[in-house]
């Protein structure tokens, strides 16, 4: 992949997330849907060193809580901080899709359109600003 192509992809993805943030202002210090459950688990892990979930939690994303605890040591354990961490993972997921498609033989335009379709998808974008289980796991390469 050419250097200019990488710069364009990175700038495009980051610009999209910046535009979405400026338009919607999603990062409030308040939970989104069930993200408060996982934020609580991060705070418990940070303060007690024990991995505990609230009794009625269906999913138990241990890796996500450990990741959230590591992030919160650097940037704080507020809801906004943890949601920003997942927004970063969402942006990385868009870039990773582009790289994956290029490695599979797709052209630059096709890979760019596919990555743009992923990050512009309303479900992907919404979950990119929420510390819930789906986005952190979805951003990892296959």
N, C-alpha and C. Protein backbone atom coordinates (compact mmCIF):
# COMPACT_ATOMS: atom_id res chain seq x y z
N UNK A 1 0.86 -1.17 0.00
CA UNK A 1 0.00 0.00 0.00
C UNK A 1 0.90 1.24 0.00
N UNK A 2 0.58 2.15 -0.87
CA UNK A 2 1.37 3.37 -0.98
C UNK A 2 1.15 4.27 0.22
N UNK A 3 2.16 5.06 0.52
CA UNK A 3 2.09 5.95 1.68
C UNK A 3 0.94 6.95 1.55
N UNK A 4 0.78 7.56 0.39
CA UNK A 4 -0.28 8.56 0.21
C UNK A 4 -1.65 7.92 0.37
N UNK A 5 -1.77 6.67 -0.08
CA UNK A 5 -3.04 5.94 0.06
C UNK A 5 -3.36 5.72 1.53
N UNK A 6 -2.35 5.33 2.31
CA UNK A 6 -2.55 5.14 3.75
C UNK A 6 -2.98 6.44 4.43
N UNK A 7 -2.33 7.53 4.06
CA UNK A 7 -2.66 8.82 4.66
C UNK A 7 -4.10 9.22 4.33
N UNK A 8 -4.52 9.00 3.09
CA UNK A 8 -5.88 9.33 2.68
C UNK A 8 -6.90 8.50 3.46
N UNK A 9 -6.64 7.20 3.62
CA UNK A 9 -7.57 6.33 4.35
C UNK A 9 -7.65 6.74 5.81
N UNK A 10 -6.51 6.95 6.43
CA UNK A 10 -6.50 7.35 7.84
C UNK A 10 -7.19 8.69 8.03
N UNK A 11 -6.88 9.65 7.17
CA UNK A 11 -7.51 10.97 7.27
C UNK A 11 -9.02 10.88 7.03
N UNK A 12 -9.43 10.06 6.08
CA UNK A 12 -10.85 9.91 5.79
C UNK A 12 -11.62 9.31 6.96
N UNK A 13 -11.08 8.24 7.55
CA UNK A 13 -11.76 7.60 8.68
C UNK A 13 -11.80 8.55 9.89
N UNK A 14 -10.68 9.17 10.18
CA UNK A 14 -10.64 10.09 11.33
C UNK A 14 -11.55 11.30 11.11
N UNK A 15 -11.61 11.79 9.89
CA UNK A 15 -12.50 12.92 9.58
C UNK A 15 -13.96 12.53 9.77
N UNK A 16 -14.30 11.32 9.37
CA UNK A 16 -15.68 10.85 9.53
C UNK A 16 -16.06 10.80 11.01
N UNK A 17 -15.18 10.24 11.83
CA UNK A 17 -15.49 10.16 13.26
C UNK A 17 -15.52 11.55 13.90
N UNK A 18 -14.67 12.43 13.47
CA UNK A 18 -14.71 13.80 13.99
C UNK A 18 -16.00 14.49 13.59
N UNK A 19 -16.42 14.33 12.33
CA UNK A 19 -17.68 14.90 11.86
C UNK A 19 -18.86 14.34 12.65
N UNK A 20 -18.86 13.01 12.86
CA UNK A 20 -19.95 12.39 13.62
C UNK A 20 -19.97 12.92 15.05
N UNK A 21 -18.80 13.09 15.64
CA UNK A 21 -18.74 13.61 17.01
C UNK A 21 -19.26 15.04 17.06
N UNK A 22 -18.83 15.88 16.14
CA UNK A 22 -19.26 17.28 16.14
C UNK A 22 -20.75 17.42 15.87
N UNK A 23 -21.29 16.55 15.03
CA UNK A 23 -22.71 16.64 14.68
C UNK A 23 -23.61 16.13 15.79
N UNK A 24 -23.20 15.07 16.48
CA UNK A 24 -24.08 14.41 17.42
C UNK A 24 -23.67 14.62 18.88
N UNK A 25 -22.42 14.87 19.13
CA UNK A 25 -21.87 15.01 20.50
C UNK A 25 -22.24 13.79 21.35
N UNK A 26 -21.82 12.59 20.93
CA UNK A 26 -22.27 11.38 21.63
C UNK A 26 -21.55 11.09 22.94
N UNK A 27 -20.41 11.69 23.19
CA UNK A 27 -19.62 11.32 24.36
C UNK A 27 -19.99 12.15 25.58
N UNK A 28 -21.08 11.81 26.20
CA UNK A 28 -21.49 12.46 27.44
C UNK A 28 -21.05 11.55 28.59
N UNK A 29 -20.95 12.09 29.77
CA UNK A 29 -20.60 11.27 30.92
C UNK A 29 -21.86 10.59 31.44
N UNK A 30 -22.47 9.84 30.55
CA UNK A 30 -23.69 9.10 30.85
C UNK A 30 -23.67 7.81 30.04
N UNK A 31 -24.25 6.75 30.55
CA UNK A 31 -24.21 5.48 29.84
C UNK A 31 -25.12 5.47 28.61
N UNK A 32 -24.78 4.61 27.68
CA UNK A 32 -25.60 4.38 26.49
C UNK A 32 -26.08 2.94 26.56
N UNK A 33 -27.37 2.76 26.55
CA UNK A 33 -28.03 1.45 26.62
C UNK A 33 -27.49 0.69 27.84
N UNK A 34 -26.77 -0.42 27.63
CA UNK A 34 -26.29 -1.20 28.78
C UNK A 34 -24.80 -1.03 29.04
N UNK A 35 -24.20 0.03 28.52
CA UNK A 35 -22.77 0.23 28.72
C UNK A 35 -22.43 0.50 30.18
N UNK A 36 -23.39 0.97 30.95
CA UNK A 36 -23.13 1.24 32.37
C UNK A 36 -22.76 -0.02 33.13
N UNK A 37 -23.28 -1.16 32.70
CA UNK A 37 -22.98 -2.43 33.37
C UNK A 37 -21.49 -2.73 33.24
N UNK A 38 -20.94 -2.55 32.04
CA UNK A 38 -19.55 -2.87 31.79
C UNK A 38 -18.63 -1.79 32.36
N UNK A 39 -19.10 -0.54 32.35
CA UNK A 39 -18.33 0.54 32.99
C UNK A 39 -18.23 0.27 34.49
N UNK A 40 -19.30 -0.19 35.08
CA UNK A 40 -19.29 -0.54 36.50
C UNK A 40 -18.28 -1.65 36.77
N UNK A 41 -18.25 -2.66 35.91
CA UNK A 41 -17.30 -3.77 36.09
C UNK A 41 -15.85 -3.27 35.99
N UNK A 42 -15.60 -2.30 35.10
CA UNK A 42 -14.26 -1.72 34.99
C UNK A 42 -13.90 -1.01 36.28
N UNK A 43 -14.82 -0.23 36.81
CA UNK A 43 -14.55 0.51 38.06
C UNK A 43 -14.31 -0.43 39.24
N UNK A 44 -15.08 -1.52 39.30
CA UNK A 44 -14.88 -2.50 40.37
C UNK A 44 -13.51 -3.15 40.23
N UNK A 45 -13.13 -3.51 39.01
CA UNK A 45 -11.81 -4.11 38.79
C UNK A 45 -10.70 -3.14 39.19
N UNK A 46 -10.87 -1.88 38.87
CA UNK A 46 -9.85 -0.88 39.22
C UNK A 46 -9.73 -0.69 40.73
N UNK A 47 -10.85 -0.63 41.43
CA UNK A 47 -10.80 -0.32 42.86
C UNK A 47 -10.50 -1.53 43.73
N UNK A 48 -11.04 -2.70 43.37
CA UNK A 48 -10.86 -3.88 44.22
C UNK A 48 -9.88 -4.89 43.67
N UNK A 49 -9.61 -4.81 42.37
CA UNK A 49 -8.75 -5.81 41.74
C UNK A 49 -9.48 -7.11 41.43
N UNK A 50 -10.79 -7.11 41.62
CA UNK A 50 -11.60 -8.31 41.37
C UNK A 50 -12.51 -8.08 40.17
N UNK A 51 -12.66 -9.11 39.39
CA UNK A 51 -13.52 -9.04 38.21
C UNK A 51 -14.92 -9.48 38.61
N UNK A 52 -15.83 -8.52 38.73
CA UNK A 52 -17.20 -8.82 39.17
C UNK A 52 -18.19 -8.09 38.26
N UNK A 53 -19.26 -8.81 37.95
CA UNK A 53 -20.34 -8.24 37.15
C UNK A 53 -21.60 -8.16 38.01
N UNK A 54 -22.46 -7.23 37.65
CA UNK A 54 -23.75 -7.11 38.33
C UNK A 54 -24.53 -8.39 38.10
N UNK A 55 -25.33 -8.80 39.07
CA UNK A 55 -26.00 -10.09 39.06
C UNK A 55 -26.86 -10.41 37.85
N UNK A 56 -27.42 -9.41 37.20
CA UNK A 56 -28.32 -9.71 36.08
C UNK A 56 -27.65 -9.50 34.72
N UNK A 57 -26.34 -9.47 34.68
CA UNK A 57 -25.61 -9.31 33.43
C UNK A 57 -25.66 -10.60 32.63
N UNK A 58 -26.07 -10.53 31.37
CA UNK A 58 -26.09 -11.72 30.53
C UNK A 58 -24.71 -12.01 29.96
N UNK A 59 -24.10 -11.01 29.34
CA UNK A 59 -22.77 -11.18 28.75
C UNK A 59 -21.72 -10.84 29.80
N UNK A 60 -20.64 -11.56 29.78
CA UNK A 60 -19.55 -11.28 30.70
C UNK A 60 -18.27 -11.10 29.89
N UNK A 61 -18.08 -9.92 29.32
CA UNK A 61 -16.92 -9.68 28.44
C UNK A 61 -15.65 -9.41 29.25
N UNK A 62 -15.00 -10.46 29.66
CA UNK A 62 -13.83 -10.34 30.53
C UNK A 62 -12.72 -9.56 29.84
N UNK A 63 -12.43 -9.87 28.58
CA UNK A 63 -11.36 -9.16 27.86
C UNK A 63 -11.68 -7.68 27.74
N UNK A 64 -12.93 -7.34 27.49
CA UNK A 64 -13.32 -5.94 27.36
C UNK A 64 -13.15 -5.19 28.67
N UNK A 65 -13.48 -5.81 29.77
CA UNK A 65 -13.34 -5.16 31.08
C UNK A 65 -11.86 -4.97 31.40
N UNK A 66 -11.04 -5.95 31.09
CA UNK A 66 -9.59 -5.79 31.32
C UNK A 66 -9.04 -4.69 30.43
N UNK A 67 -9.47 -4.66 29.17
CA UNK A 67 -9.06 -3.58 28.26
C UNK A 67 -9.52 -2.23 28.80
N UNK A 68 -10.76 -2.16 29.27
CA UNK A 68 -11.28 -0.91 29.82
C UNK A 68 -10.52 -0.46 31.05
N UNK A 69 -10.11 -1.42 31.89
CA UNK A 69 -9.33 -1.07 33.08
C UNK A 69 -7.96 -0.53 32.68
N UNK A 70 -7.34 -1.12 31.68
CA UNK A 70 -6.04 -0.62 31.21
C UNK A 70 -6.19 0.79 30.63
N UNK A 71 -7.24 1.01 29.83
CA UNK A 71 -7.50 2.33 29.26
C UNK A 71 -7.76 3.35 30.36
N UNK A 72 -8.56 2.96 31.34
CA UNK A 72 -8.95 3.91 32.38
C UNK A 72 -7.78 4.28 33.30
N UNK A 73 -6.79 3.45 33.38
CA UNK A 73 -5.60 3.83 34.15
C UNK A 73 -4.87 4.99 33.49
N UNK A 74 -4.95 5.04 32.18
CA UNK A 74 -4.30 6.13 31.44
C UNK A 74 -5.18 7.36 31.31
N UNK A 75 -6.49 7.15 31.07
CA UNK A 75 -7.36 8.26 30.71
C UNK A 75 -8.56 8.46 31.62
N UNK A 76 -8.69 7.67 32.67
CA UNK A 76 -9.82 7.81 33.58
C UNK A 76 -10.94 6.82 33.27
N UNK A 77 -11.75 6.54 34.26
CA UNK A 77 -12.79 5.52 34.13
C UNK A 77 -14.18 6.12 33.93
N UNK A 78 -14.27 7.33 33.39
CA UNK A 78 -15.58 7.92 33.15
C UNK A 78 -16.24 7.23 31.95
N UNK A 79 -17.54 7.36 31.85
CA UNK A 79 -18.25 6.78 30.71
C UNK A 79 -17.73 7.36 29.40
N UNK A 80 -17.52 8.67 29.38
CA UNK A 80 -17.03 9.32 28.16
C UNK A 80 -15.67 8.81 27.73
N UNK A 81 -14.79 8.59 28.68
CA UNK A 81 -13.46 8.09 28.37
C UNK A 81 -13.52 6.68 27.79
N UNK A 82 -14.30 5.81 28.42
CA UNK A 82 -14.41 4.45 27.92
C UNK A 82 -15.10 4.39 26.56
N UNK A 83 -16.07 5.26 26.34
CA UNK A 83 -16.73 5.30 25.04
C UNK A 83 -15.79 5.84 23.96
N UNK A 84 -14.93 6.78 24.33
CA UNK A 84 -13.92 7.27 23.39
C UNK A 84 -12.96 6.15 23.01
N UNK A 85 -12.64 5.29 23.96
CA UNK A 85 -11.74 4.17 23.64
C UNK A 85 -12.36 3.26 22.59
N UNK A 86 -13.66 3.04 22.69
CA UNK A 86 -14.33 2.18 21.73
C UNK A 86 -14.49 2.89 20.38
N UNK A 87 -14.65 4.22 20.40
CA UNK A 87 -14.68 4.97 19.14
C UNK A 87 -13.34 4.83 18.42
N UNK A 88 -12.25 4.83 19.17
CA UNK A 88 -10.93 4.61 18.57
C UNK A 88 -10.86 3.21 17.95
N UNK A 89 -11.42 2.21 18.66
CA UNK A 89 -11.44 0.86 18.11
C UNK A 89 -12.32 0.78 16.85
N UNK A 90 -13.42 1.54 16.85
CA UNK A 90 -14.27 1.56 15.66
C UNK A 90 -13.54 2.14 14.46
N UNK A 91 -12.79 3.21 14.68
CA UNK A 91 -12.00 3.80 13.59
C UNK A 91 -10.93 2.82 13.13
N UNK A 92 -10.28 2.16 14.08
CA UNK A 92 -9.27 1.15 13.72
C UNK A 92 -9.90 -0.01 12.96
N UNK A 93 -11.13 -0.37 13.31
CA UNK A 93 -11.83 -1.43 12.59
C UNK A 93 -12.08 -1.07 11.14
N UNK A 94 -12.44 0.20 10.88
CA UNK A 94 -12.61 0.65 9.49
C UNK A 94 -11.30 0.59 8.72
N UNK A 95 -10.22 1.01 9.35
CA UNK A 95 -8.91 0.96 8.69
C UNK A 95 -8.45 -0.48 8.48
N UNK A 96 -8.73 -1.34 9.47
CA UNK A 96 -8.35 -2.74 9.35
C UNK A 96 -9.10 -3.43 8.21
N UNK A 97 -10.38 -3.08 8.03
CA UNK A 97 -11.13 -3.65 6.92
C UNK A 97 -10.51 -3.24 5.60
N UNK A 98 -10.12 -1.99 5.49
CA UNK A 98 -9.49 -1.51 4.26
C UNK A 98 -8.21 -2.32 3.97
N UNK A 99 -7.37 -2.48 4.98
CA UNK A 99 -6.11 -3.21 4.80
C UNK A 99 -6.39 -4.67 4.44
N UNK A 100 -7.35 -5.27 5.12
CA UNK A 100 -7.70 -6.66 4.83
C UNK A 100 -8.17 -6.83 3.39
N UNK A 101 -9.03 -5.93 2.94
CA UNK A 101 -9.52 -6.03 1.56
C UNK A 101 -8.40 -5.82 0.55
N UNK A 102 -7.48 -4.92 0.85
CA UNK A 102 -6.34 -4.71 -0.04
C UNK A 102 -5.48 -5.97 -0.12
N UNK A 103 -5.27 -6.62 1.02
CA UNK A 103 -4.47 -7.85 1.04
C UNK A 103 -5.17 -9.00 0.32
N UNK A 104 -6.49 -8.93 0.26
CA UNK A 104 -7.25 -9.97 -0.45
C UNK A 104 -7.38 -9.68 -1.93
N UNK A 105 -6.77 -8.59 -2.39
CA UNK A 105 -6.74 -8.31 -3.82
C UNK A 105 -7.70 -7.24 -4.30
N UNK A 106 -8.44 -6.60 -3.42
CA UNK A 106 -9.36 -5.54 -3.84
C UNK A 106 -8.56 -4.31 -4.24
N UNK A 107 -9.11 -3.54 -5.15
CA UNK A 107 -8.49 -2.29 -5.55
C UNK A 107 -8.68 -1.24 -4.47
N UNK A 108 -7.94 -0.16 -4.59
CA UNK A 108 -8.01 0.89 -3.59
C UNK A 108 -9.38 1.52 -3.49
N UNK A 109 -10.04 1.74 -4.63
CA UNK A 109 -11.36 2.36 -4.62
C UNK A 109 -12.39 1.42 -4.00
N UNK A 110 -12.34 0.16 -4.38
CA UNK A 110 -13.30 -0.81 -3.84
C UNK A 110 -13.12 -0.98 -2.33
N UNK A 111 -11.88 -1.10 -1.89
CA UNK A 111 -11.60 -1.24 -0.46
C UNK A 111 -12.03 0.01 0.30
N UNK A 112 -11.79 1.17 -0.30
CA UNK A 112 -12.20 2.43 0.33
C UNK A 112 -13.71 2.55 0.46
N UNK A 113 -14.43 2.15 -0.58
CA UNK A 113 -15.90 2.19 -0.54
C UNK A 113 -16.42 1.22 0.52
N UNK A 114 -15.85 0.03 0.59
CA UNK A 114 -16.29 -0.95 1.59
C UNK A 114 -16.02 -0.44 3.01
N UNK A 115 -14.85 0.14 3.23
CA UNK A 115 -14.53 0.68 4.56
C UNK A 115 -15.46 1.85 4.90
N UNK A 116 -15.75 2.68 3.90
CA UNK A 116 -16.67 3.81 4.12
C UNK A 116 -18.07 3.31 4.44
N UNK A 117 -18.50 2.24 3.77
CA UNK A 117 -19.82 1.68 4.05
C UNK A 117 -19.88 1.11 5.47
N UNK A 118 -18.78 0.51 5.92
CA UNK A 118 -18.76 -0.02 7.28
C UNK A 118 -18.87 1.10 8.30
N UNK A 119 -18.01 2.11 8.20
CA UNK A 119 -18.00 3.14 9.25
C UNK A 119 -19.19 4.09 9.15
N UNK A 120 -19.86 4.13 8.00
CA UNK A 120 -21.06 4.96 7.87
C UNK A 120 -22.33 4.21 8.22
N UNK A 121 -22.22 2.91 8.44
CA UNK A 121 -23.37 2.11 8.83
C UNK A 121 -23.90 2.63 10.16
N UNK A 122 -25.19 2.95 10.25
CA UNK A 122 -25.72 3.52 11.49
C UNK A 122 -25.51 2.65 12.72
N UNK A 123 -25.64 1.35 12.58
CA UNK A 123 -25.43 0.47 13.75
C UNK A 123 -23.98 0.50 14.18
N UNK A 124 -23.06 0.40 13.24
CA UNK A 124 -21.63 0.43 13.55
C UNK A 124 -21.26 1.76 14.19
N UNK A 125 -21.74 2.84 13.61
CA UNK A 125 -21.40 4.16 14.14
C UNK A 125 -21.98 4.37 15.54
N UNK A 126 -23.21 3.98 15.76
CA UNK A 126 -23.84 4.12 17.08
C UNK A 126 -23.06 3.32 18.13
N UNK A 127 -22.75 2.07 17.80
CA UNK A 127 -22.05 1.24 18.76
C UNK A 127 -20.59 1.65 18.93
N UNK A 128 -20.06 2.42 17.98
CA UNK A 128 -18.70 2.92 18.11
C UNK A 128 -18.57 3.94 19.23
N UNK A 129 -19.65 4.51 19.66
CA UNK A 129 -19.62 5.49 20.75
C UNK A 129 -20.28 4.92 22.00
N UNK A 130 -20.20 3.63 22.19
CA UNK A 130 -20.81 3.00 23.35
C UNK A 130 -19.88 1.90 23.87
N UNK A 131 -19.66 1.86 25.16
CA UNK A 131 -18.79 0.85 25.77
C UNK A 131 -19.60 -0.42 26.04
N UNK A 132 -20.10 -1.01 24.95
CA UNK A 132 -20.83 -2.26 25.06
C UNK A 132 -20.00 -3.36 24.42
N UNK A 133 -20.47 -4.58 24.49
CA UNK A 133 -19.66 -5.72 24.09
C UNK A 133 -19.45 -5.82 22.59
N UNK A 134 -20.33 -5.33 21.79
CA UNK A 134 -20.31 -5.63 20.37
C UNK A 134 -19.16 -4.95 19.61
N UNK A 135 -18.87 -3.70 19.85
CA UNK A 135 -17.91 -3.00 19.04
C UNK A 135 -16.47 -3.37 19.35
N UNK A 136 -16.13 -3.52 20.61
CA UNK A 136 -14.75 -3.84 20.95
C UNK A 136 -14.35 -5.18 20.34
N UNK A 137 -15.27 -6.11 20.31
CA UNK A 137 -14.96 -7.41 19.72
C UNK A 137 -15.02 -7.36 18.21
N UNK A 138 -15.84 -6.49 17.64
CA UNK A 138 -15.97 -6.40 16.20
C UNK A 138 -14.82 -5.70 15.52
N UNK A 139 -14.01 -4.96 16.24
CA UNK A 139 -12.93 -4.20 15.64
C UNK A 139 -11.68 -5.03 15.43
N UNK A 140 -11.60 -6.18 16.03
CA UNK A 140 -10.40 -6.97 15.87
C UNK A 140 -10.39 -7.62 14.50
N UNK A 141 -9.21 -7.78 13.92
CA UNK A 141 -9.15 -8.43 12.60
C UNK A 141 -9.55 -9.89 12.69
N UNK A 142 -10.12 -10.45 11.61
CA UNK A 142 -10.54 -11.86 11.65
C UNK A 142 -9.37 -12.81 11.71
